[in-house]
Amino acid sequence: LYYLEKQKEKYVIIADTNIAVNFDFKDFINEHKESGADVSVAYTVQEIPEGLVNAQNSRKDMFYTFKLEDGRVKNWYINRKEDGLQNLSMNIYCFDREYLINLVNEAYVHGQTYLERDVLSNEVDAIHIHGYKYEGYYARICDRKSFFEENMKLLKDENLEGLFAGGQIYTKLRDDNPTRYIGDAKASNVMVADGCVIEGEIENSILFRGVKVGKGAKVKNCILMQDTEIKAGANLEYVITDKKVTVTEDKEVKGTDTFPVFVAKRQTI
């Protein structure tokens, strides 16, 4: 629930969790108000990402594209695999709170379960849906491959600036020591959080808080999440680890740029 105190008006913002974006909801709400719409949806103009249309996506997630006229959604398409640039939904919506409550109650009565598929897509003529074009930096996570690629993009300054240069981003605090580079440690083109201890070599990688890389270990093109420990002599390339993973001495784990290896939480290799 987003509340604008000065106007004494209430709006609801609904958003999925697979898009990383520094989004200014105030601009979104103001444009929603000015349009006089019942619903506003944020969208980007882009080609459909491979991860959304990949037949191997066992979750079979739905994605939505639009045809717009003067900013209003006139046609709503579900999983439409068109070539070229499309108006692709970010699954970020703005509703007047009371309108959303009435919409949900009506959907419940008719046994409808999906807001976009069952309600919005079928009622574009009856519901005024306004399209809000987003042109800033964002990362859309569709699968493991896109997760890896979008994280790797943040090793470039322009992408890091694009994502974090807007409003403040808050996270859970875990105060720790600055990262320590010990002995013959080497680091090149990396993003390293606090609390890490580096004795080996790291290159083109992202290390979350508390990661340890042992003496003689090599980490290249990897994403190592919180408290992962890479023991001495291990060699990792194109690997994603979840929290508290341990790679033991002298082990070699390698994926590729199109298929990075994933190691689940608290696993030991």
C-alpha atoms as a PDB file:
ATOM      1  CA  LEU A   1       0.000   0.000   0.000  1.00  0.00           C
ATOM      2  CA  TYR A   2       1.428   3.350  -1.060  1.00  0.00           C
ATOM      3  CA  TYR A   3      -0.015   6.362   0.749  1.00  0.00           C
ATOM      4  CA  LEU A   4       0.265   9.982  -0.429  1.00  0.00           C
ATOM      5  CA  GLU A   5      -0.386  11.981   2.736  1.00  0.00           C
ATOM      6  CA  LYS A   6      -0.835  15.413   1.136  1.00  0.00           C
ATOM      7  CA  GLN A   7      -3.588  14.324  -1.214  1.00  0.00           C
ATOM      8  CA  LYS A   8      -5.103  11.942   1.357  1.00  0.00           C
ATOM      9  CA  GLU A   9      -5.376   9.370  -1.407  1.00  0.00           C
ATOM     10  CA  LYS A  10      -4.389   5.719  -1.315  1.00  0.00           C
ATOM     11  CA  TYR A  11      -2.855   3.666  -4.075  1.00  0.00           C
ATOM     12  CA  VAL A  12      -1.702   0.091  -4.276  1.00  0.00           C
ATOM     13  CA  ILE A  13       1.468  -0.887  -6.139  1.00  0.00           C
ATOM     14  CA  ILE A  14       1.772  -4.546  -7.116  1.00  0.00           C
ATOM     15  CA  ALA A  15       5.101  -5.832  -8.436  1.00  0.00           C
ATOM     16  CA  ASP A  16       6.774  -9.163  -9.142  1.00  0.00           C
ATOM     17  CA  THR A  17      10.114 -10.047  -7.586  1.00  0.00           C
ATOM     18  CA  ASN A  18      12.039 -11.116 -10.693  1.00  0.00           C
ATOM     19  CA  ILE A  19      12.886  -7.588 -11.854  1.00  0.00           C
ATOM     20  CA  ALA A  20      15.670  -5.564 -10.245  1.00  0.00           C
ATOM     21  CA  VAL A  21      14.974  -1.891 -10.859  1.00  0.00           C
ATOM     22  CA  ASN A  22      15.406   1.445  -9.110  1.00  0.00           C
ATOM     23  CA  PHE A  23      11.823   2.525  -9.755  1.00  0.00           C
ATOM     24  CA  ASP A  24      10.341   5.896  -8.750  1.00  0.00           C
ATOM     25  CA  PHE A  25       6.793   5.038  -7.683  1.00  0.00           C
ATOM     26  CA  LYS A  26       5.913   8.716  -7.223  1.00  0.00           C
ATOM     27  CA  ASP A  27       6.264   9.401 -10.950  1.00  0.00           C
ATOM     28  CA  PHE A  28       4.305   6.235 -11.679  1.00  0.00           C
ATOM     29  CA  ILE A  29       1.454   7.273  -9.376  1.00  0.00           C
ATOM     30  CA  ASN A  30       1.377  10.841 -10.675  1.00  0.00           C
ATOM     31  CA  GLU A  31       1.077   9.670 -14.269  1.00  0.00           C
ATOM     32  CA  HIS A  32      -1.605   7.192 -13.194  1.00  0.00           C
ATOM     33  CA  LYS A  33      -3.599  10.032 -11.625  1.00  0.00           C
ATOM     34  CA  GLU A  34      -3.214  12.323 -14.630  1.00  0.00           C
ATOM     35  CA  SER A  35      -4.323   9.612 -17.061  1.00  0.00           C
ATOM     36  CA  GLY A  36      -7.593   9.021 -15.207  1.00  0.00           C
ATOM     37  CA  ALA A  37      -7.044   5.283 -15.638  1.00  0.00           C
ATOM     38  CA  ASP A  38      -8.458   2.491 -13.512  1.00  0.00           C
ATOM     39  CA  VAL A  39      -5.153   0.625 -13.676  1.00  0.00           C
ATOM     40  CA  SER A  40      -1.660   1.570 -14.823  1.00  0.00           C
ATOM     41  CA  VAL A  41       0.959  -0.963 -15.911  1.00  0.00           C
ATOM     42  CA  ALA A  42       4.684  -0.326 -16.381  1.00  0.00           C
ATOM     43  CA  TYR A  43       6.249  -1.718 -19.537  1.00  0.00           C
ATOM     44  CA  THR A  44       9.486  -1.677 -21.485  1.00  0.00           C
ATOM     45  CA  VAL A  45      10.055  -1.670 -25.231  1.00  0.00           C
ATOM     46  CA  GLN A  46      12.300  -4.632 -26.032  1.00  0.00           C
ATOM     47  CA  GLU A  47      12.528  -8.005 -27.701  1.00  0.00           C
ATOM     48  CA  ILE A  48      11.084 -10.901 -25.701  1.00  0.00           C
ATOM     49  CA  PRO A  49      13.918 -12.385 -23.580  1.00  0.00           C
ATOM     50  CA  GLU A  50      14.943 -15.920 -24.443  1.00  0.00           C
ATOM     51  CA  GLY A  51      14.265 -17.071 -20.889  1.00  0.00           C
ATOM     52  CA  LEU A  52      10.587 -16.130 -21.178  1.00  0.00           C
ATOM     53  CA  VAL A  53       9.939 -18.085 -24.354  1.00  0.00           C
ATOM     54  CA  ASN A  54      12.278 -21.018 -23.737  1.00  0.00           C
ATOM     55  CA  ALA A  55      10.304 -24.244 -24.036  1.00  0.00           C
ATOM     56  CA  GLN A  56      12.458 -25.795 -21.313  1.00  0.00           C
ATOM     57  CA  ASN A  57      11.032 -23.379 -18.746  1.00  0.00           C
ATOM     58  CA  SER A  58       9.179 -25.990 -16.675  1.00  0.00           C
ATOM     59  CA  ARG A  59       7.353 -23.328 -14.659  1.00  0.00           C
ATOM     60  CA  LYS A  60       5.661 -22.115 -17.850  1.00  0.00           C
ATOM     61  CA  ASP A  61       5.463 -18.557 -16.552  1.00  0.00           C
ATOM     62  CA  MET A  62       3.167 -16.187 -18.379  1.00  0.00           C
ATOM     63  CA  PHE A  63       4.400 -12.961 -19.922  1.00  0.00           C
ATOM     64  CA  TYR A  64       2.316 -10.128 -21.326  1.00  0.00           C
ATOM     65  CA  THR A  65       2.694  -7.764 -24.255  1.00  0.00           C
ATOM     66  CA  PHE A  66       0.421  -4.906 -25.315  1.00  0.00           C
ATOM     67  CA  LYS A  67      -0.824  -2.865 -28.188  1.00  0.00           C
ATOM     68  CA  LEU A  68      -1.300   0.746 -27.095  1.00  0.00           C
ATOM     69  CA  GLU A  69      -3.182   3.704 -28.520  1.00  0.00           C
ATOM     70  CA  ASP A  70      -2.511   7.153 -27.009  1.00  0.00           C
ATOM     71  CA  GLY A  71      -1.078   5.519 -23.900  1.00  0.00           C
ATOM     72  CA  ARG A  72      -4.046   3.197 -23.336  1.00  0.00           C
ATOM     73  CA  VAL A  73      -3.772  -0.584 -23.586  1.00  0.00           C
ATOM     74  CA  LYS A  74      -6.092  -1.683 -26.402  1.00  0.00           C
ATOM     75  CA  ASN A  75      -4.948  -5.290 -26.838  1.00  0.00           C
ATOM     76  CA  TRP A  76      -3.425  -7.562 -24.199  1.00  0.00           C
ATOM     77  CA  TYR A  77      -1.483 -10.611 -25.384  1.00  0.00           C
ATOM     78  CA  ILE A  78      -0.430 -13.621 -23.292  1.00  0.00           C
ATOM     79  CA  ASN A  79       2.804 -15.472 -24.180  1.00  0.00           C
ATOM     80  CA  ARG A  80       2.772 -14.035 -27.687  1.00  0.00           C
ATOM     81  CA  LYS A  81       6.068 -14.922 -29.364  1.00  0.00           C
ATOM     82  CA  GLU A  82       6.525 -12.060 -31.799  1.00  0.00           C
ATOM     83  CA  ASP A  83       9.869 -11.038 -33.290  1.00  0.00           C
ATOM     84  CA  GLY A  84      11.224  -7.538 -32.912  1.00  0.00           C
ATOM     85  CA  LEU A  85      10.520  -4.878 -30.318  1.00  0.00           C
ATOM     86  CA  GLN A  86       7.431  -5.403 -28.159  1.00  0.00           C
ATOM     87  CA  ASN A  87       5.663  -3.512 -25.372  1.00  0.00           C
ATOM     88  CA  LEU A  88       6.555  -5.995 -22.617  1.00  0.00           C
ATOM     89  CA  SER A  89       4.927  -5.784 -19.211  1.00  0.00           C
ATOM     90  CA  MET A  90       7.166  -5.363 -16.168  1.00  0.00           C
ATOM     91  CA  ASN A  91       4.322  -6.784 -14.036  1.00  0.00           C
ATOM     92  CA  ILE A  92       4.296  -3.572 -12.000  1.00  0.00           C
ATOM     93  CA  TYR A  93       0.794  -2.160 -11.509  1.00  0.00           C
ATOM     94  CA  CYS A  94      -0.807   0.858  -9.880  1.00  0.00           C
ATOM     95  CA  PHE A  95      -4.420   0.729  -8.665  1.00  0.00           C
ATOM     96  CA  ASP A  96      -6.693   2.998  -6.739  1.00  0.00           C
ATOM     97  CA  ARG A  97      -7.067   0.952  -3.569  1.00  0.00           C
ATOM     98  CA  GLU A  98     -10.874   0.837  -3.538  1.00  0.00           C
ATOM     99  CA  TYR A  99     -10.973  -0.075  -7.213  1.00  0.00           C
ATOM    100  CA  LEU A 100      -8.610  -3.004  -6.632  1.00  0.00           C
ATOM    101  CA  ILE A 101     -10.699  -4.271  -3.711  1.00  0.00           C
ATOM    102  CA  ASN A 102     -13.820  -4.233  -5.871  1.00  0.00           C
ATOM    103  CA  LEU A 103     -11.952  -5.924  -8.720  1.00  0.00           C
ATOM    104  CA  VAL A 104     -10.715  -8.725  -6.448  1.00  0.00           C
ATOM    105  CA  ASN A 105     -14.182  -9.252  -4.944  1.00  0.00           C
ATOM    106  CA  GLU A 106     -15.730  -9.473  -8.410  1.00  0.00           C
ATOM    107  CA  ALA A 107     -13.041 -11.909  -9.573  1.00  0.00           C
ATOM    108  CA  TYR A 108     -13.601 -14.106  -6.526  1.00  0.00           C
ATOM    109  CA  VAL A 109     -17.316 -14.344  -7.230  1.00  0.00           C
ATOM    110  CA  HIS A 110     -16.572 -15.553 -10.777  1.00  0.00           C
ATOM    111  CA  GLY A 111     -13.867 -18.031  -9.728  1.00  0.00           C
ATOM    112  CA  GLN A 112     -11.069 -16.075 -11.377  1.00  0.00           C
ATOM    113  CA  THR A 113      -7.577 -16.635  -9.970  1.00  0.00           C
ATOM    114  CA  TYR A 114      -5.106 -14.697 -12.166  1.00  0.00           C
ATOM    115  CA  LEU A 115      -5.335 -10.915 -12.169  1.00  0.00           C
ATOM    116  CA  GLU A 116      -3.679 -10.449 -15.553  1.00  0.00           C
ATOM    117  CA  ARG A 117      -4.917 -13.546 -17.386  1.00  0.00           C
ATOM    118  CA  ASP A 118      -8.477 -13.754 -16.077  1.00  0.00           C
ATOM    119  CA  VAL A 119      -9.342 -10.114 -15.451  1.00  0.00           C
ATOM    120  CA  LEU A 120      -7.208  -7.467 -17.135  1.00  0.00           C
ATOM    121  CA  SER A 121      -6.577  -9.248 -20.437  1.00  0.00           C
ATOM    122  CA  ASN A 122     -10.282  -9.994 -20.900  1.00  0.00           C
ATOM    123  CA  GLU A 123     -11.531  -6.553 -19.942  1.00  0.00           C
ATOM    124  CA  VAL A 124      -9.315  -4.112 -21.839  1.00  0.00           C
ATOM    125  CA  ASP A 125     -12.392  -2.525 -23.412  1.00  0.00           C
ATOM    126  CA  ALA A 126     -14.203  -2.104 -20.092  1.00  0.00           C
ATOM    127  CA  ILE A 127     -11.195  -1.258 -17.899  1.00  0.00           C
ATOM    128  CA  HIS A 128      -9.102   1.829 -18.656  1.00  0.00           C
ATOM    129  CA  ILE A 129      -5.540   0.445 -18.487  1.00  0.00           C
ATOM    130  CA  HIS A 130      -2.806   3.034 -18.897  1.00  0.00           C
ATOM    131  CA  GLY A 131       0.667   2.068 -20.111  1.00  0.00           C
ATOM    132  CA  TYR A 132       3.612   3.643 -18.272  1.00  0.00           C
ATOM    133  CA  LYS A 133       6.771   3.392 -20.382  1.00  0.00           C
ATOM    134  CA  TYR A 134       9.898   2.739 -18.321  1.00  0.00           C
ATOM    135  CA  GLU A 135      13.185   3.677 -19.968  1.00  0.00           C
ATOM    136  CA  GLY A 136      15.697   3.368 -17.117  1.00  0.00           C
ATOM    137  CA  TYR A 137      18.034   0.517 -16.269  1.00  0.00           C
ATOM    138  CA  TYR A 138      16.546  -2.730 -15.051  1.00  0.00           C
ATOM    139  CA  ALA A 139      17.397  -6.433 -14.905  1.00  0.00           C
ATOM    140  CA  ARG A 140      14.777  -9.072 -15.725  1.00  0.00           C
ATOM    141  CA  ILE A 141      15.552 -12.487 -14.201  1.00  0.00           C
ATOM    142  CA  CYS A 142      13.856 -15.273 -16.158  1.00  0.00           C
ATOM    143  CA  ASP A 143      16.087 -18.269 -15.463  1.00  0.00           C
ATOM    144  CA  ARG A 144      19.551 -19.272 -14.260  1.00  0.00           C
ATOM    145  CA  LYS A 145      21.233 -17.989 -17.411  1.00  0.00           C
ATOM    146  CA  SER A 146      19.664 -14.530 -17.174  1.00  0.00           C
ATOM    147  CA  PHE A 147      20.436 -14.382 -13.428  1.00  0.00           C
ATOM    148  CA  PHE A 148      24.086 -14.996 -14.215  1.00  0.00           C
ATOM    149  CA  GLU A 149      24.210 -12.548 -17.134  1.00  0.00           C
ATOM    150  CA  GLU A 150      22.426  -9.728 -15.307  1.00  0.00           C
ATOM    151  CA  ASN A 151      24.766 -10.035 -12.322  1.00  0.00           C
ATOM    152  CA  MET A 152      27.823 -10.044 -14.570  1.00  0.00           C
ATOM    153  CA  LYS A 153      26.604  -6.846 -16.244  1.00  0.00           C
ATOM    154  CA  LEU A 154      27.005  -5.053 -12.920  1.00  0.00           C
ATOM    155  CA  LEU A 155      30.774  -5.427 -13.223  1.00  0.00           C
ATOM    156  CA  LYS A 156      30.568  -2.619 -15.786  1.00  0.00           C
ATOM    157  CA  ASP A 157      30.431   0.839 -14.242  1.00  0.00           C
ATOM    158  CA  GLU A 158      27.681   2.154 -16.505  1.00  0.00           C
ATOM    159  CA  ASN A 159      25.313  -0.665 -15.515  1.00  0.00           C
ATOM    160  CA  LEU A 160      26.123  -0.362 -11.822  1.00  0.00           C
ATOM    161  CA  GLU A 161      25.492   3.362 -12.031  1.00  0.00           C
ATOM    162  CA  GLY A 162      22.251   2.781 -13.927  1.00  0.00           C
ATOM    163  CA  LEU A 163      20.838   0.482 -11.259  1.00  0.00           C
ATOM    164  CA  PHE A 164      22.037   2.212  -8.094  1.00  0.00           C
ATOM    165  CA  ALA A 165      22.215   5.913  -8.993  1.00  0.00           C
ATOM    166  CA  GLY A 166      18.527   6.594  -8.313  1.00  0.00           C
ATOM    167  CA  GLY A 167      16.812   6.522  -4.923  1.00  0.00           C
ATOM    168  CA  GLN A 168      18.361   4.865  -1.909  1.00  0.00           C
ATOM    169  CA  ILE A 169      18.208   1.070  -1.651  1.00  0.00           C
ATOM    170  CA  TYR A 170      17.887  -0.440   1.807  1.00  0.00           C
ATOM    171  CA  THR A 171      19.040  -3.892   2.837  1.00  0.00           C
ATOM    172  CA  LYS A 172      19.493  -5.993   5.941  1.00  0.00           C
ATOM    173  CA  LEU A 173      22.469  -4.841   8.003  1.00  0.00           C
ATOM    174  CA  ARG A 174      25.337  -7.157   8.787  1.00  0.00           C
ATOM    175  CA  ASP A 175      28.209  -5.007   9.966  1.00  0.00           C
ATOM    176  CA  ASP A 176      31.484  -6.783   9.328  1.00  0.00           C
ATOM    177  CA  ASN A 177      35.187  -6.140   8.825  1.00  0.00           C
ATOM    178  CA  PRO A 178      36.402  -4.780   5.511  1.00  0.00           C
ATOM    179  CA  THR A 179      37.483  -7.463   3.057  1.00  0.00           C
ATOM    180  CA  ARG A 180      41.048  -8.664   3.607  1.00  0.00           C
ATOM    181  CA  TYR A 181      43.459  -9.545   0.808  1.00  0.00           C
ATOM    182  CA  ILE A 182      46.207 -11.704   2.265  1.00  0.00           C
ATOM    183  CA  GLY A 183      49.617 -12.728   0.929  1.00  0.00           C
ATOM    184  CA  ASP A 184      49.631 -13.398  -2.809  1.00  0.00           C
ATOM    185  CA  ALA A 185      45.935 -12.604  -3.283  1.00  0.00           C
ATOM    186  CA  LYS A 186      44.970 -11.152  -6.669  1.00  0.00           C
ATOM    187  CA  ALA A 187      41.735  -9.450  -7.697  1.00  0.00           C
ATOM    188  CA  SER A 188      40.668  -8.168 -11.122  1.00  0.00           C
ATOM    189  CA  ASN A 189      37.300  -6.704 -12.143  1.00  0.00           C
ATOM    190  CA  VAL A 190      35.367  -7.926  -9.102  1.00  0.00           C
ATOM    191  CA  MET A 191      32.591  -6.754  -6.805  1.00  0.00           C
ATOM    192  CA  VAL A 192      33.307  -7.887  -3.250  1.00  0.00           C
ATOM    193  CA  ALA A 193      31.154  -7.283  -0.186  1.00  0.00           C
ATOM    194  CA  ASP A 194      32.488  -6.794   3.336  1.00  0.00           C
ATOM    195  CA  GLY A 195      33.660  -9.611   5.578  1.00  0.00           C
ATOM    196  CA  CYS A 196      35.424 -11.551   2.812  1.00  0.00           C
ATOM    197  CA  VAL A 197      38.899 -13.078   3.147  1.00  0.00           C
ATOM    198  CA  ILE A 198      40.832 -13.495  -0.100  1.00  0.00           C
ATOM    199  CA  GLU A 199      44.079 -15.481  -0.241  1.00  0.00           C
ATOM    200  CA  GLY A 200      43.744 -16.797  -3.805  1.00  0.00           C
ATOM    201  CA  GLU A 201      42.881 -15.245  -7.168  1.00  0.00           C
ATOM    202  CA  ILE A 202      39.496 -13.787  -8.124  1.00  0.00           C
ATOM    203  CA  GLU A 203      38.575 -12.408 -11.550  1.00  0.00           C
ATOM    204  CA  ASN A 204      35.345 -11.159 -13.170  1.00  0.00           C
ATOM    205  CA  SER A 205      33.328 -12.305 -10.165  1.00  0.00           C
ATOM    206  CA  ILE A 206      30.810 -11.157  -7.577  1.00  0.00           C
ATOM    207  CA  LEU A 207      31.358 -12.155  -3.951  1.00  0.00           C
ATOM    208  CA  PHE A 208      28.662 -11.674  -1.334  1.00  0.00           C
ATOM    209  CA  ARG A 209      29.374 -11.047   2.351  1.00  0.00           C
ATOM    210  CA  GLY A 210      31.679 -13.351   4.261  1.00  0.00           C
ATOM    211  CA  VAL A 211      33.055 -15.342   1.315  1.00  0.00           C
ATOM    212  CA  LYS A 212      36.450 -16.996   1.841  1.00  0.00           C
ATOM    213  CA  VAL A 213      38.827 -17.897  -0.983  1.00  0.00           C
ATOM    214  CA  GLY A 214      41.743 -20.024   0.189  1.00  0.00           C
ATOM    215  CA  LYS A 215      45.406 -19.883  -0.727  1.00  0.00           C
ATOM    216  CA  GLY A 216      46.069 -20.931  -4.309  1.00  0.00           C
ATOM    217  CA  ALA A 217      42.369 -21.113  -5.168  1.00  0.00           C
ATOM    218  CA  LYS A 218      41.177 -19.564  -8.432  1.00  0.00           C
ATOM    219  CA  VAL A 219      37.715 -18.055  -8.934  1.00  0.00           C
ATOM    220  CA  LYS A 220      36.797 -16.725 -12.367  1.00  0.00           C
ATOM    221  CA  ASN A 221      33.417 -15.625 -13.779  1.00  0.00           C
ATOM    222  CA  CYS A 222      31.570 -16.719 -10.636  1.00  0.00           C
ATOM    223  CA  ILE A 223      28.820 -15.526  -8.305  1.00  0.00           C
ATOM    224  CA  LEU A 224      29.502 -16.685  -4.748  1.00  0.00           C
ATOM    225  CA  MET A 225      26.746 -15.965  -2.264  1.00  0.00           C
ATOM    226  CA  GLN A 226      27.012 -15.271   1.461  1.00  0.00           C
ATOM    227  CA  ASP A 227      29.507 -17.297   3.535  1.00  0.00           C
ATOM    228  CA  THR A 228      30.633 -19.531   0.684  1.00  0.00           C
ATOM    229  CA  GLU A 229      34.064 -21.006   1.370  1.00  0.00           C
ATOM    230  CA  ILE A 230      36.484 -21.997  -1.383  1.00  0.00           C
ATOM    231  CA  LYS A 231      39.279 -24.062   0.099  1.00  0.00           C
ATOM    232  CA  ALA A 232      42.947 -23.933  -0.907  1.00  0.00           C
ATOM    233  CA  GLY A 233      43.798 -24.999  -4.440  1.00  0.00           C
ATOM    234  CA  ALA A 234      40.209 -25.203  -5.709  1.00  0.00           C
ATOM    235  CA  ASN A 235      39.474 -23.939  -9.210  1.00  0.00           C
ATOM    236  CA  LEU A 236      36.037 -22.484 -10.086  1.00  0.00           C
ATOM    237  CA  GLU A 237      34.832 -21.004 -13.352  1.00  0.00           C
ATOM    238  CA  TYR A 238      31.263 -20.058 -14.338  1.00  0.00           C
ATOM    239  CA  VAL A 239      29.825 -21.195 -11.026  1.00  0.00           C
ATOM    240  CA  ILE A 240      26.933 -19.855  -8.928  1.00  0.00           C
ATOM    241  CA  THR A 241      26.862 -20.893  -5.277  1.00  0.00           C
ATOM    242  CA  ASP A 242      24.015 -20.342  -2.846  1.00  0.00           C
ATOM    243  CA  LYS A 243      24.698 -19.474   0.813  1.00  0.00           C
ATOM    244  CA  LYS A 244      27.137 -21.444   2.968  1.00  0.00           C
ATOM    245  CA  VAL A 245      28.509 -23.662   0.202  1.00  0.00           C
ATOM    246  CA  THR A 246      31.914 -25.282   0.714  1.00  0.00           C
ATOM    247  CA  VAL A 247      34.227 -26.325  -2.106  1.00  0.00           C
ATOM    248  CA  THR A 248      36.947 -28.518  -0.655  1.00  0.00           C
ATOM    249  CA  GLU A 249      40.681 -28.512  -1.382  1.00  0.00           C
ATOM    250  CA  ASP A 250      41.881 -28.868  -4.972  1.00  0.00           C
ATOM    251  CA  LYS A 251      38.418 -29.454  -6.435  1.00  0.00           C
ATOM    252  CA  GLU A 252      37.678 -28.199  -9.952  1.00  0.00           C
ATOM    253  CA  VAL A 253      34.167 -27.006 -10.805  1.00  0.00           C
ATOM    254  CA  LYS A 254      33.549 -25.466 -14.219  1.00  0.00           C
ATOM    255  CA  GLY A 255      30.494 -24.467 -16.202  1.00  0.00           C
ATOM    256  CA  THR A 256      30.205 -22.299 -19.293  1.00  0.00           C
ATOM    257  CA  ASP A 257      28.911 -18.810 -20.023  1.00  0.00           C
ATOM    258  CA  THR A 258      25.696 -20.317 -21.452  1.00  0.00           C
ATOM    259  CA  PHE A 259      25.279 -22.917 -18.696  1.00  0.00           C
ATOM    260  CA  PRO A 260      26.809 -21.869 -15.355  1.00  0.00           C
ATOM    261  CA  VAL A 261      26.980 -24.583 -12.698  1.00  0.00           C
ATOM    262  CA  PHE A 262      24.708 -24.008  -9.691  1.00  0.00           C
ATOM    263  CA  VAL A 263      25.487 -25.365  -6.204  1.00  0.00           C
ATOM    264  CA  ALA A 264      22.595 -25.398  -3.743  1.00  0.00           C
ATOM    265  CA  LYS A 265      22.608 -23.919  -0.244  1.00  0.00           C
ATOM    266  CA  ARG A 266      24.861 -25.560   2.387  1.00  0.00           C
ATOM    267  CA  GLN A 267      26.224 -28.156  -0.035  1.00  0.00           C
ATOM    268  CA  THR A 268      29.819 -29.412   0.114  1.00  0.00           C
ATOM    269  CA  ILE A 269      31.756 -30.385  -2.983  1.00  0.00           C
END
